[in-house]
N, C-alpha and C. Protein backbone atom coordinates (compact mmCIF):
# COMPACT_ATOMS: atom_id res chain seq x y z
N MET A 1 5.06 -3.77 47.04
CA MET A 1 6.45 -3.77 46.53
C MET A 1 6.60 -2.37 45.87
N THR A 2 7.88 -1.79 45.71
CA THR A 2 8.19 -0.64 45.16
C THR A 2 8.47 -0.97 43.99
N ASN A 3 7.99 0.02 43.25
CA ASN A 3 8.69 -0.35 41.45
C ASN A 3 10.14 -0.08 41.51
N PRO A 4 10.70 -0.69 40.17
CA PRO A 4 11.76 -0.46 40.18
C PRO A 4 12.39 0.87 39.23
N LEU A 5 13.71 1.23 39.72
CA LEU A 5 14.07 2.61 39.14
C LEU A 5 14.60 1.84 37.66
N ILE A 6 14.25 2.18 36.44
CA ILE A 6 14.49 1.28 35.26
C ILE A 6 15.45 2.24 34.48
N ILE A 7 16.45 2.01 34.29
CA ILE A 7 17.60 2.96 33.52
C ILE A 7 17.91 1.74 32.14
N LYS A 8 17.60 2.69 31.22
CA LYS A 8 18.09 2.51 29.46
C LYS A 8 19.22 2.99 29.36
N LEU A 9 20.38 2.05 28.82
CA LEU A 9 21.60 2.34 28.49
C LEU A 9 21.77 2.12 27.01
N GLY A 10 22.87 2.61 26.60
CA GLY A 10 23.07 2.93 24.87
C GLY A 10 23.75 3.74 24.56
N GLY A 11 23.89 3.80 23.50
CA GLY A 11 24.70 4.63 22.60
C GLY A 11 26.30 4.93 23.11
N VAL A 12 26.52 6.22 23.00
CA VAL A 12 27.95 6.71 23.97
C VAL A 12 28.31 5.92 25.09
N LEU A 13 27.06 6.01 25.88
CA LEU A 13 27.67 5.50 27.50
C LEU A 13 28.05 4.24 27.26
N LEU A 14 27.47 3.37 26.58
CA LEU A 14 28.20 1.99 26.62
C LEU A 14 29.67 1.80 25.81
N ASP A 15 30.09 2.85 25.09
CA ASP A 15 31.18 2.72 24.40
C ASP A 15 32.46 3.73 25.17
N SER A 16 32.02 4.00 26.45
CA SER A 16 32.78 4.81 27.22
C SER A 16 33.20 3.96 28.75
N GLU A 17 34.09 3.76 28.93
CA GLU A 17 34.67 2.97 30.37
C GLU A 17 34.66 3.94 31.12
N GLU A 18 34.79 5.00 31.06
CA GLU A 18 34.81 6.20 32.38
C GLU A 18 33.49 6.66 32.44
N ALA A 19 32.67 6.65 31.49
CA ALA A 19 30.97 7.01 31.60
C ALA A 19 30.35 5.81 32.62
N LEU A 20 30.39 4.67 32.01
CA LEU A 20 30.04 3.74 32.71
C LEU A 20 30.72 3.42 34.12
N ALA A 21 31.96 3.57 34.44
CA ALA A 21 32.65 3.76 35.71
C ALA A 21 31.76 4.56 36.78
N ARG A 22 31.44 5.69 35.88
CA ARG A 22 30.87 6.72 36.88
C ARG A 22 29.26 6.43 36.97
N LEU A 23 28.58 5.91 35.82
CA LEU A 23 27.16 5.37 36.15
C LEU A 23 27.22 4.45 37.53
N PHE A 24 28.24 3.17 37.21
CA PHE A 24 27.83 2.42 38.57
C PHE A 24 28.55 2.91 39.67
N ASP A 25 29.48 3.86 39.92
CA ASP A 25 29.62 4.31 41.16
C ASP A 25 28.34 5.24 41.74
N ALA A 26 27.78 5.87 40.99
CA ALA A 26 26.47 6.55 41.40
C ALA A 26 25.32 5.55 41.62
N LEU A 27 25.31 4.66 41.19
CA LEU A 27 24.28 3.58 41.29
C LEU A 27 24.58 2.97 42.82
N VAL A 28 25.68 2.41 43.10
CA VAL A 28 26.38 1.88 44.12
C VAL A 28 25.77 3.11 45.53
N THR A 29 26.05 4.45 45.27
CA THR A 29 25.45 5.29 46.25
C THR A 29 24.05 5.23 45.95
N TYR A 30 23.70 5.48 45.24
CA TYR A 30 21.96 5.44 45.09
C TYR A 30 21.38 4.29 45.99
N ARG A 31 21.88 2.89 45.63
CA ARG A 31 21.75 1.65 46.48
C ARG A 31 21.96 1.67 47.89
N GLU A 32 22.99 2.42 48.19
CA GLU A 32 23.54 2.74 50.01
C GLU A 32 22.17 3.76 50.41
N SER A 33 21.48 4.40 49.79
CA SER A 33 20.35 5.44 50.30
C SER A 33 18.93 5.00 49.98
N TYR A 34 18.96 4.35 49.22
CA TYR A 34 17.45 4.05 48.64
C TYR A 34 17.40 2.42 48.61
N GLN A 35 16.37 2.00 49.12
CA GLN A 35 15.71 0.51 48.89
C GLN A 35 15.24 0.24 47.63
N ARG A 36 15.14 0.98 46.72
CA ARG A 36 14.36 0.68 45.41
C ARG A 36 15.17 -0.27 44.81
N PRO A 37 14.54 -1.12 44.00
CA PRO A 37 15.07 -1.98 43.14
C PRO A 37 15.49 -1.29 41.85
N LEU A 38 16.63 -1.89 41.01
CA LEU A 38 17.31 -1.19 40.09
C LEU A 38 16.88 -2.24 38.87
N LEU A 39 16.39 -1.96 37.90
CA LEU A 39 16.44 -2.51 36.64
C LEU A 39 17.16 -1.99 35.52
N ILE A 40 18.11 -2.30 34.87
CA ILE A 40 19.14 -1.76 33.88
C ILE A 40 18.82 -2.59 32.68
N VAL A 41 18.62 -2.00 31.39
CA VAL A 41 18.25 -2.41 30.09
C VAL A 41 19.00 -1.86 29.07
N HIS A 42 19.33 -2.84 27.97
CA HIS A 42 19.81 -2.26 27.05
C HIS A 42 18.99 -1.60 26.27
N GLY A 43 19.31 -0.34 25.41
CA GLY A 43 18.64 0.41 24.55
C GLY A 43 18.12 -0.15 23.19
N GLY A 44 18.51 -1.17 22.80
CA GLY A 44 18.10 -1.79 21.63
C GLY A 44 19.26 -1.66 20.69
N GLY A 45 19.93 -0.80 20.75
CA GLY A 45 20.89 -0.61 19.41
C GLY A 45 22.10 -1.77 19.33
N CYS A 46 22.89 -1.50 18.19
CA CYS A 46 23.97 -2.67 18.17
C CYS A 46 24.43 -3.07 19.23
N LEU A 47 24.86 -3.99 19.46
CA LEU A 47 25.78 -4.32 20.53
C LEU A 47 27.24 -4.31 19.93
């Protein structure tokens, strides 16, 4: 089994719709090229 790519999100990124849209566009491109699982976690700060 392949280890997942773990992405920790928080801070300014979660406050910016544009930044989130760019991140998820990049993740879609990544998933089209690689079969490695993705795991997205919250950084633990305020929600």
